Protein backbone atom coordinates (compact mmCIF):
# COMPACT_ATOMS: atom_id res chain seq x y z
CA UNK A 1 14.15 15.23 -43.98
CA UNK A 2 11.36 15.53 -41.94
CA UNK A 3 10.80 16.63 -38.47
CA UNK A 4 9.82 15.69 -35.30
CA UNK A 5 6.53 17.98 -35.55
CA UNK A 6 5.47 17.02 -38.76
CA UNK A 7 5.51 12.82 -37.77
CA UNK A 8 4.02 13.53 -34.35
CA UNK A 9 0.60 15.17 -36.61
CA UNK A 10 1.18 11.59 -38.53
CA UNK A 11 0.49 9.75 -36.02
CA UNK A 12 -2.84 11.39 -34.13
CA UNK A 13 -5.81 9.12 -34.52
CA UNK A 14 -8.88 10.20 -36.74
CA UNK A 15 -11.54 10.77 -34.31
CA UNK A 16 -14.72 11.48 -34.41
CA UNK A 17 -15.40 15.23 -33.63
CA UNK A 18 -19.49 14.95 -33.36
CA UNK A 19 -21.33 13.62 -29.64
CA UNK A 20 -21.63 10.28 -30.79
CA UNK A 21 -18.38 9.18 -29.57
CA UNK A 22 -16.98 10.08 -26.17
CA UNK A 23 -14.39 8.74 -24.23
CA UNK A 24 -14.49 11.53 -21.32
CA UNK A 25 -11.48 12.12 -19.52
CA UNK A 26 -9.38 10.26 -21.97
CA UNK A 27 -7.02 10.35 -24.82
CA UNK A 28 -6.10 8.42 -27.77
CA UNK A 29 -2.69 7.73 -26.59
CA UNK A 30 -3.38 6.95 -22.94
CA UNK A 31 -5.95 4.63 -24.25
CA UNK A 32 -3.81 3.36 -26.69
CA UNK A 33 -1.05 2.73 -24.16
CA UNK A 34 -3.79 1.19 -21.52
CA UNK A 35 -4.89 -1.34 -24.36
CA UNK A 36 -1.67 -2.12 -24.77
CA UNK A 37 -1.33 -3.78 -20.87
CA UNK A 38 -4.23 -4.85 -21.33
CA UNK A 39 -3.71 -7.00 -23.81
CA UNK A 40 0.01 -8.47 -22.22
CA UNK A 41 -1.47 -8.96 -19.92
CA UNK A 42 -4.25 -11.24 -21.31
CA UNK A 43 -2.67 -12.62 -24.38
CA UNK A 44 0.02 -14.45 -22.60
CA UNK A 45 -0.29 -17.66 -23.54
CA UNK A 46 -2.47 -19.95 -20.29
CA UNK A 47 -4.19 -16.52 -18.92
CA UNK A 48 -7.07 -17.30 -20.21
CA UNK A 49 -7.34 -20.38 -18.92
CA UNK A 50 -6.13 -19.75 -16.07
CA UNK A 51 -8.81 -16.70 -15.17
CA UNK A 52 -12.00 -18.18 -17.15
CA UNK A 53 -12.54 -21.79 -14.34
CA UNK A 54 -12.05 -19.64 -11.22
CA UNK A 55 -14.23 -16.83 -12.56
CA UNK A 56 -17.18 -19.95 -12.98
CA UNK A 57 -16.31 -21.23 -9.71
CA UNK A 58 -16.51 -20.13 -5.96
CA UNK A 59 -14.08 -22.33 -4.00
CA UNK A 60 -10.14 -21.99 -4.76
CA UNK A 61 -9.06 -24.50 -7.24
CA UNK A 62 -5.67 -25.70 -6.47
CA UNK A 63 -2.66 -25.44 -8.64
CA UNK A 64 -2.63 -29.42 -9.01
CA UNK A 65 -5.96 -28.68 -10.56
CA UNK A 66 -5.16 -26.41 -13.18
CA UNK A 67 -1.74 -28.61 -13.60
CA UNK A 68 -4.66 -31.42 -14.64
CA UNK A 69 -7.06 -28.79 -16.74
CA UNK A 70 -4.65 -26.98 -18.74
CA UNK A 71 -3.09 -29.43 -21.14
CA UNK A 72 -0.34 -28.05 -23.12
CA UNK A 73 1.02 -25.49 -21.03
CA UNK A 74 4.12 -26.40 -19.24
CA UNK A 75 4.63 -26.01 -15.04
CA UNK A 76 7.75 -23.77 -15.36
CA UNK A 77 5.08 -21.46 -17.75
CA UNK A 78 2.24 -22.03 -15.57
CA UNK A 79 4.12 -21.07 -12.37
CA UNK A 80 5.42 -18.24 -13.77
CA UNK A 81 1.76 -17.11 -15.05
CA UNK A 82 0.34 -17.72 -12.13
CA UNK A 83 2.86 -15.47 -10.38
CA UNK A 84 2.10 -12.76 -12.92
CA UNK A 85 -1.43 -12.48 -11.30
CA UNK A 86 -0.81 -12.74 -8.02
CA UNK A 87 1.57 -9.83 -8.58
CA UNK A 88 -0.61 -8.09 -10.59
CA UNK A 89 -3.43 -8.13 -8.07
CA UNK A 90 -5.59 -10.55 -9.80
CA UNK A 91 -5.22 -13.63 -8.12
CA UNK A 92 -4.69 -14.03 -4.61
CA UNK A 93 -3.20 -17.57 -3.45
CA UNK A 94 -3.40 -19.19 -0.26
CA UNK A 95 -0.72 -21.39 0.93
CA UNK A 96 -1.13 -24.59 3.47
CA UNK A 97 2.18 -25.48 5.43
CA UNK A 98 0.91 -28.44 5.19
CA UNK A 99 3.02 -32.13 3.57
CA UNK A 100 1.98 -32.44 0.70
CA UNK A 101 2.15 -29.14 0.29
CA UNK A 102 -0.88 -27.38 -1.04
CA UNK A 103 -1.66 -24.29 -2.75
CA UNK A 104 -4.84 -22.55 -4.04
CA UNK A 105 -5.89 -19.72 -5.60
CA UNK A 106 -9.23 -16.91 -6.09
CA UNK A 107 -9.45 -14.24 -8.28
CA UNK A 108 -9.44 -10.90 -6.12
CA UNK A 109 -12.40 -8.28 -6.93
CA UNK A 110 -10.04 -7.10 -9.43
CA UNK A 111 -9.00 -9.85 -10.87
CA UNK A 112 -13.41 -10.98 -11.15
CA UNK A 113 -14.05 -7.66 -12.77
CA UNK A 114 -11.52 -8.71 -15.48
CA UNK A 115 -12.71 -11.79 -16.29
CA UNK A 116 -16.12 -10.35 -16.40
CA UNK A 117 -14.68 -8.64 -19.55
CA UNK A 118 -13.39 -10.69 -20.91
CA UNK A 119 -16.13 -13.01 -21.02
CA UNK A 120 -18.30 -9.71 -22.06
CA UNK A 121 -16.15 -9.61 -25.50
CA UNK A 122 -16.66 -13.24 -25.66
CA UNK A 123 -20.40 -12.65 -25.95
CA UNK A 124 -19.44 -9.79 -28.47
CA UNK A 125 -17.51 -11.30 -30.69
CA UNK A 126 -20.37 -14.40 -30.52
CA UNK A 127 -22.76 -12.15 -31.08
CA UNK A 128 -21.50 -10.24 -34.19
CA UNK A 129 -19.18 -14.27 -35.56
CA UNK A 130 -15.92 -12.19 -35.08
């Protein structure tokens, strides 16, 4: 029968011990946990489709414009995703007390940095043809 310590040893990742790979201040377990959080955020349906247009615009984007341009994503999914991104500090929401109601979204500095990182990753993929 396996013991917990044997099982834990099996889960360790092989790491470079030389100076060629340095993630100073991080251990593999925390990096994997952070990767899971990131994956959970950006791989949900519609998330990148919401973030990328905001990155390419200095003006806020209205909820109505998202609905018009994001084909294949239901209004309910769109509303939920926008709410999640706002709660996570990625988007800033501004609603106006008007009739008809008007709601606009823009990236926060945190959101801008996230989108720039995603674009850098896309450029890496393009460079290495993945």
